[in-house]
N, C-alpha and C. Protein backbone atom coordinates (compact mmCIF):
# COMPACT_ATOMS: atom_id res chain seq x y z
N MET A 1 0.83 -1.18 0.00
CA MET A 1 0.01 0.01 0.01
C MET A 1 0.87 1.25 0.00
N SER A 2 0.42 2.27 -0.63
CA SER A 2 1.15 3.52 -0.77
C SER A 2 1.28 4.19 0.60
N PRO A 3 2.45 4.78 0.90
CA PRO A 3 2.63 5.44 2.18
C PRO A 3 1.65 6.61 2.37
N LYS A 4 1.26 7.28 1.28
CA LYS A 4 0.32 8.41 1.44
C LYS A 4 -1.08 7.94 1.85
N ASN A 5 -1.44 6.71 1.49
CA ASN A 5 -2.72 6.16 1.91
C ASN A 5 -2.73 5.73 3.36
N LEU A 6 -1.57 5.53 3.95
CA LEU A 6 -1.48 5.10 5.33
C LEU A 6 -1.24 6.23 6.31
N LEU A 7 -1.15 7.46 5.82
CA LEU A 7 -0.82 8.57 6.73
C LEU A 7 -1.86 8.77 7.83
N LEU A 8 -3.12 8.73 7.46
CA LEU A 8 -4.17 8.93 8.47
C LEU A 8 -4.18 7.80 9.50
N SER A 9 -4.05 6.57 9.05
CA SER A 9 -3.99 5.45 9.99
C SER A 9 -2.77 5.54 10.86
N PHE A 10 -1.65 5.99 10.31
CA PHE A 10 -0.43 6.16 11.09
C PHE A 10 -0.63 7.23 12.16
N TYR A 11 -1.28 8.32 11.80
CA TYR A 11 -1.53 9.38 12.75
C TYR A 11 -2.37 8.93 13.95
N PHE A 12 -3.40 8.12 13.68
CA PHE A 12 -4.26 7.63 14.75
C PHE A 12 -3.75 6.35 15.40
N GLY A 13 -2.62 5.82 14.92
CA GLY A 13 -2.03 4.64 15.54
C GLY A 13 -2.77 3.34 15.31
N SER A 14 -3.44 3.24 14.17
CA SER A 14 -4.24 2.02 13.91
C SER A 14 -3.53 1.06 12.94
N LEU A 15 -2.24 1.23 12.73
CA LEU A 15 -1.48 0.32 11.85
C LEU A 15 -0.92 -0.83 12.65
N ASN A 16 -0.74 -1.97 11.96
CA ASN A 16 -0.05 -3.07 12.68
C ASN A 16 1.45 -2.77 12.73
N GLU A 17 2.21 -3.60 13.36
CA GLU A 17 3.61 -3.33 13.61
C GLU A 17 4.42 -3.19 12.32
N ASP A 18 4.19 -4.06 11.36
CA ASP A 18 4.95 -4.00 10.11
C ASP A 18 4.64 -2.71 9.33
N GLU A 19 3.38 -2.36 9.23
CA GLU A 19 2.97 -1.14 8.54
C GLU A 19 3.53 0.09 9.24
N ARG A 20 3.55 0.07 10.56
CA ARG A 20 4.07 1.22 11.33
C ARG A 20 5.57 1.40 11.06
N LEU A 21 6.32 0.31 11.06
CA LEU A 21 7.77 0.38 10.78
C LEU A 21 8.02 0.88 9.34
N HIS A 22 7.18 0.40 8.42
CA HIS A 22 7.32 0.85 7.02
C HIS A 22 7.08 2.34 6.92
N MET A 23 6.04 2.84 7.58
CA MET A 23 5.71 4.25 7.56
C MET A 23 6.83 5.10 8.19
N GLU A 24 7.37 4.62 9.30
CA GLU A 24 8.43 5.37 9.95
C GLU A 24 9.67 5.46 9.03
N ARG A 25 9.99 4.36 8.35
CA ARG A 25 11.09 4.38 7.37
C ARG A 25 10.82 5.39 6.24
N GLU A 26 9.60 5.37 5.75
CA GLU A 26 9.24 6.31 4.67
C GLU A 26 9.32 7.76 5.14
N LEU A 27 8.87 8.01 6.36
CA LEU A 27 8.95 9.39 6.88
C LEU A 27 10.37 9.90 7.04
N LEU A 28 11.28 8.97 7.38
CA LEU A 28 12.70 9.34 7.57
C LEU A 28 13.43 9.48 6.23
N THR A 29 12.96 8.78 5.19
CA THR A 29 13.72 8.77 3.95
C THR A 29 13.10 9.63 2.85
N ASP A 30 11.78 9.85 2.88
CA ASP A 30 11.09 10.57 1.80
C ASP A 30 10.56 11.90 2.37
N ALA A 31 11.14 12.98 1.87
CA ALA A 31 10.74 14.30 2.37
C ALA A 31 9.32 14.65 1.99
N GLU A 32 8.85 14.17 0.83
CA GLU A 32 7.47 14.48 0.41
C GLU A 32 6.44 13.81 1.32
N VAL A 33 6.70 12.56 1.72
CA VAL A 33 5.80 11.85 2.63
C VAL A 33 5.82 12.53 3.98
N LEU A 34 6.98 12.99 4.45
CA LEU A 34 7.07 13.69 5.72
C LEU A 34 6.29 14.99 5.64
N THR A 35 6.38 15.71 4.57
CA THR A 35 5.64 16.98 4.41
C THR A 35 4.15 16.73 4.39
N ASP A 36 3.71 15.72 3.70
CA ASP A 36 2.31 15.36 3.65
C ASP A 36 1.79 14.99 5.05
N TYR A 37 2.61 14.22 5.78
CA TYR A 37 2.20 13.84 7.15
C TYR A 37 2.12 15.06 8.06
N LEU A 38 3.04 15.96 7.97
CA LEU A 38 3.01 17.17 8.81
C LEU A 38 1.84 18.08 8.45
N ASP A 39 1.52 18.15 7.15
CA ASP A 39 0.34 18.92 6.74
C ASP A 39 -0.94 18.34 7.28
N LEU A 40 -1.04 16.99 7.17
CA LEU A 40 -2.25 16.28 7.70
C LEU A 40 -2.34 16.49 9.20
N LYS A 41 -1.22 16.38 9.88
CA LYS A 41 -1.24 16.56 11.35
C LYS A 41 -1.62 17.96 11.75
N ARG A 42 -1.14 18.96 11.02
CA ARG A 42 -1.48 20.36 11.29
C ARG A 42 -2.98 20.59 11.07
N GLU A 43 -3.53 20.03 10.00
CA GLU A 43 -4.95 20.22 9.70
C GLU A 43 -5.82 19.57 10.79
N LEU A 44 -5.45 18.36 11.18
CA LEU A 44 -6.26 17.65 12.17
C LEU A 44 -6.21 18.32 13.53
N GLU A 45 -5.08 18.86 13.89
CA GLU A 45 -4.94 19.50 15.21
C GLU A 45 -5.58 20.91 15.23
N ALA A 46 -5.79 21.51 14.04
CA ALA A 46 -6.38 22.84 13.99
C ALA A 46 -7.90 22.78 14.03
N VAL A 47 -8.48 21.62 13.74
CA VAL A 47 -9.93 21.52 13.71
C VAL A 47 -10.50 21.54 15.12
N ASP A 48 -11.53 22.33 15.34
CA ASP A 48 -12.22 22.39 16.63
C ASP A 48 -13.31 21.33 16.61
N LEU A 49 -13.07 20.22 17.29
CA LEU A 49 -14.03 19.11 17.26
C LEU A 49 -15.06 19.19 18.37
N ALA A 50 -14.74 19.86 19.44
CA ALA A 50 -15.63 19.88 20.57
C ALA A 50 -16.69 20.98 20.43
N THR A 51 -17.95 20.62 20.60
CA THR A 51 -18.98 21.63 20.61
C THR A 51 -19.24 22.02 22.06
N LYS A 52 -19.59 23.25 22.23
CA LYS A 52 -19.76 23.76 23.60
C LYS A 52 -21.07 23.33 24.24
N ALA A 53 -22.15 23.32 23.47
CA ALA A 53 -23.46 22.95 24.01
C ALA A 53 -24.24 22.26 22.90
N PRO A 54 -25.15 21.37 23.30
CA PRO A 54 -25.99 20.69 22.27
C PRO A 54 -26.89 21.71 21.59
N SER A 55 -27.17 21.43 20.35
CA SER A 55 -28.03 22.35 19.58
C SER A 55 -29.46 22.24 20.04
N SER A 56 -30.22 23.25 19.69
CA SER A 56 -31.64 23.25 20.09
C SER A 56 -32.44 22.18 19.34
N SER A 57 -32.01 21.81 18.14
CA SER A 57 -32.71 20.74 17.42
C SER A 57 -32.52 19.41 18.10
N LEU A 58 -31.38 19.20 18.73
CA LEU A 58 -31.16 17.96 19.48
C LEU A 58 -32.10 17.88 20.67
N TRP A 59 -32.28 19.00 21.39
CA TRP A 59 -33.18 19.00 22.52
C TRP A 59 -34.61 18.76 22.06
N GLU A 60 -34.98 19.27 20.89
CA GLU A 60 -36.33 19.05 20.34
C GLU A 60 -36.54 17.58 20.04
N LYS A 61 -35.51 16.92 19.51
CA LYS A 61 -35.64 15.49 19.20
C LYS A 61 -35.75 14.65 20.47
N LEU A 62 -35.09 15.06 21.54
CA LEU A 62 -35.11 14.28 22.77
C LEU A 62 -36.31 14.55 23.62
N LYS A 63 -36.97 15.66 23.44
CA LYS A 63 -38.09 16.05 24.27
C LYS A 63 -39.31 15.15 23.93
N PRO A 64 -40.05 14.71 24.96
CA PRO A 64 -41.27 13.92 24.66
C PRO A 64 -42.24 14.75 23.88
N LYS A 65 -42.89 14.13 22.91
CA LYS A 65 -43.80 14.85 22.03
C LYS A 65 -45.21 14.99 22.59
N THR A 66 -45.67 14.03 23.33
CA THR A 66 -47.05 14.07 23.82
C THR A 66 -47.09 13.85 25.30
N GLN A 67 -48.27 14.08 25.87
CA GLN A 67 -48.48 13.83 27.28
C GLN A 67 -48.36 12.33 27.57
N ARG A 68 -48.76 11.52 26.63
CA ARG A 68 -48.69 10.07 26.78
C ARG A 68 -47.25 9.60 26.93
N GLU A 69 -46.34 10.18 26.14
CA GLU A 69 -44.93 9.82 26.25
C GLU A 69 -44.38 10.27 27.60
N LYS A 70 -44.80 11.42 28.08
CA LYS A 70 -44.34 11.88 29.39
C LYS A 70 -44.77 10.92 30.49
N ARG A 71 -46.05 10.47 30.41
CA ARG A 71 -46.54 9.50 31.42
C ARG A 71 -45.77 8.19 31.29
N LEU A 72 -45.44 7.78 30.09
CA LEU A 72 -44.69 6.54 29.88
C LEU A 72 -43.33 6.64 30.54
N TYR A 73 -42.62 7.77 30.30
CA TYR A 73 -41.32 7.97 30.91
C TYR A 73 -41.40 7.98 32.43
N LEU A 74 -42.44 8.61 32.96
CA LEU A 74 -42.62 8.68 34.40
C LEU A 74 -42.91 7.29 34.96
N SER A 75 -43.78 6.53 34.31
CA SER A 75 -44.12 5.22 34.84
C SER A 75 -42.91 4.27 34.73
N ILE A 76 -42.12 4.41 33.67
CA ILE A 76 -40.93 3.54 33.57
C ILE A 76 -39.94 3.90 34.66
N SER A 77 -39.74 5.19 34.92
CA SER A 77 -38.77 5.55 35.96
C SER A 77 -39.28 5.12 37.36
N LEU A 78 -40.56 5.29 37.61
CA LEU A 78 -41.10 4.84 38.93
C LEU A 78 -41.00 3.34 39.04
N GLY A 79 -41.31 2.61 37.99
CA GLY A 79 -41.18 1.14 38.02
C GLY A 79 -39.78 0.71 38.28
N ALA A 80 -38.80 1.40 37.65
CA ALA A 80 -37.41 1.06 37.88
C ALA A 80 -36.98 1.33 39.30
N ALA A 81 -37.52 2.44 39.89
CA ALA A 81 -37.17 2.78 41.27
C ALA A 81 -37.74 1.73 42.23
N VAL A 82 -38.99 1.31 42.00
CA VAL A 82 -39.60 0.29 42.84
C VAL A 82 -38.85 -1.04 42.74
N ALA A 83 -38.51 -1.40 41.49
CA ALA A 83 -37.78 -2.64 41.30
C ALA A 83 -36.41 -2.60 41.99
N ALA A 84 -35.72 -1.44 41.92
CA ALA A 84 -34.46 -1.31 42.57
C ALA A 84 -34.61 -1.43 44.11
N GLY A 85 -35.66 -0.81 44.64
CA GLY A 85 -35.91 -0.90 46.09
C GLY A 85 -36.20 -2.31 46.51
N ILE A 86 -36.98 -3.05 45.76
CA ILE A 86 -37.27 -4.45 46.09
C ILE A 86 -36.00 -5.28 46.01
N ALA A 87 -35.17 -5.00 45.03
CA ALA A 87 -33.92 -5.77 44.86
C ALA A 87 -32.99 -5.49 46.05
N ILE A 88 -32.96 -4.23 46.51
CA ILE A 88 -32.09 -3.92 47.65
C ILE A 88 -32.63 -4.59 48.94
N ILE A 89 -33.92 -4.58 49.14
CA ILE A 89 -34.48 -5.25 50.30
C ILE A 89 -34.19 -6.74 50.23
N PHE A 90 -34.33 -7.35 49.08
CA PHE A 90 -34.09 -8.77 48.91
C PHE A 90 -32.63 -9.11 49.20
N VAL A 91 -31.71 -8.28 48.73
CA VAL A 91 -30.31 -8.51 49.00
C VAL A 91 -29.99 -8.36 50.46
N LEU A 92 -30.57 -7.37 51.10
CA LEU A 92 -30.34 -7.17 52.53
C LEU A 92 -30.91 -8.33 53.35
N GLN A 93 -32.03 -8.84 52.92
CA GLN A 93 -32.63 -9.98 53.62
C GLN A 93 -31.74 -11.23 53.48
N LEU A 94 -31.13 -11.40 52.36
CA LEU A 94 -30.24 -12.55 52.16
C LEU A 94 -29.00 -12.46 52.99
N GLN A 95 -28.54 -11.21 53.25
CA GLN A 95 -27.30 -11.01 54.00
C GLN A 95 -27.49 -11.22 55.51
N THR A 96 -28.68 -10.98 56.01
CA THR A 96 -28.91 -11.13 57.46
C THR A 96 -29.10 -12.62 57.74
N LYS A 97 -28.46 -13.09 58.79
CA LYS A 97 -28.58 -14.50 59.19
C LYS A 97 -29.80 -14.66 60.08
N PRO A 98 -30.59 -15.68 59.82
CA PRO A 98 -31.78 -15.89 60.69
C PRO A 98 -31.33 -16.33 62.06
N THR A 99 -32.00 -15.80 63.09
CA THR A 99 -31.66 -16.23 64.45
C THR A 99 -32.36 -17.54 64.77
N GLU A 100 -31.62 -18.40 65.42
CA GLU A 100 -32.18 -19.72 65.78
C GLU A 100 -32.94 -19.60 67.11
N PHE A 101 -34.00 -20.36 67.17
CA PHE A 101 -34.83 -20.39 68.38
C PHE A 101 -34.13 -21.29 69.39
N ILE A 102 -33.83 -20.74 70.57
CA ILE A 102 -33.21 -21.51 71.60
C ILE A 102 -34.27 -21.77 72.66
N GLN A 103 -34.56 -23.01 72.88
CA GLN A 103 -35.59 -23.37 73.83
C GLN A 103 -35.07 -23.18 75.26
N PRO A 104 -35.86 -22.50 76.10
CA PRO A 104 -35.41 -22.27 77.47
C PRO A 104 -35.41 -23.57 78.24
N PRO A 105 -34.63 -23.62 79.29
CA PRO A 105 -34.62 -24.86 80.11
C PRO A 105 -36.00 -25.15 80.68
N ILE A 106 -36.28 -26.42 80.86
CA ILE A 106 -37.62 -26.84 81.31
C ILE A 106 -37.95 -26.30 82.67
N SER A 107 -36.97 -26.02 83.52
CA SER A 107 -37.26 -25.52 84.86
C SER A 107 -37.84 -24.10 84.82
N ASN A 108 -37.51 -23.34 83.78
CA ASN A 108 -38.04 -21.99 83.66
C ASN A 108 -39.43 -21.96 83.09
N VAL A 109 -39.84 -23.03 82.43
CA VAL A 109 -41.16 -23.07 81.80
C VAL A 109 -42.19 -23.55 82.79
N LEU A 110 -41.90 -24.61 83.51
CA LEU A 110 -42.87 -25.17 84.48
C LEU A 110 -42.69 -24.45 85.83
N PHE A 111 -43.81 -24.15 86.45
CA PHE A 111 -43.75 -23.52 87.76
C PHE A 111 -44.97 -23.98 88.58
N ASP A 112 -44.85 -23.78 89.84
CA ASP A 112 -45.90 -24.16 90.77
C ASP A 112 -46.79 -22.94 90.99
N SER A 113 -48.02 -23.01 90.46
CA SER A 113 -48.92 -21.87 90.55
C SER A 113 -49.46 -21.69 91.96
N SER A 114 -49.49 -22.70 92.79
CA SER A 114 -50.05 -22.54 94.13
C SER A 114 -49.12 -21.72 95.00
N SER A 115 -47.88 -21.70 94.70
CA SER A 115 -46.93 -20.91 95.52
C SER A 115 -47.06 -19.43 95.24
N GLU A 116 -47.63 -19.06 94.10
CA GLU A 116 -47.71 -17.65 93.76
C GLU A 116 -49.05 -17.05 94.16
N LEU A 117 -50.05 -17.83 94.38
CA LEU A 117 -51.35 -17.32 94.76
C LEU A 117 -51.49 -17.20 96.26
N PRO A 118 -52.18 -16.19 96.75
CA PRO A 118 -52.41 -16.13 98.21
C PRO A 118 -53.27 -17.32 98.70
N ALA A 119 -53.15 -17.70 99.91
CA ALA A 119 -53.83 -18.83 100.48
C ALA A 119 -55.34 -18.65 100.49
N SER A 120 -55.81 -17.43 100.56
CA SER A 120 -57.25 -17.15 100.64
C SER A 120 -57.89 -17.09 99.25
N SER A 121 -57.12 -17.26 98.21
CA SER A 121 -57.65 -17.17 96.87
C SER A 121 -58.50 -18.39 96.55
N GLY A 122 -59.62 -18.16 95.88
CA GLY A 122 -60.50 -19.25 95.53
C GLY A 122 -60.21 -19.76 94.12
N VAL A 123 -59.17 -19.31 93.53
CA VAL A 123 -58.85 -19.71 92.16
C VAL A 123 -58.06 -21.00 92.23
N LEU A 124 -58.44 -21.91 91.36
CA LEU A 124 -57.72 -23.16 91.34
C LEU A 124 -56.43 -23.05 90.65
């Protein structure tokens, strides 16, 4: 392939190792290829690629067109929030270890009711 056809790929670093070495050799030996590469580099670096703010036509395209679309976006966002909340609760429930029931000793469960009631009580 001609070195002039590889200048752009060389500038962006998208050549394989053999092509890159070939281009470097050409740049060192051929003044015309070097001049073309420097011109290309100067042009690319002088271009202002960044826009400061999105255009108003972009905002018009992104804006919901009808009330129905607005409700759809709202319902989707609320549904996503509820689903995220349920997922968080589910994950937290999985992380907590269930407490095991420990049965109290039998002496604490059984008691003599006659010792706690007054002697004059008519309750059995």
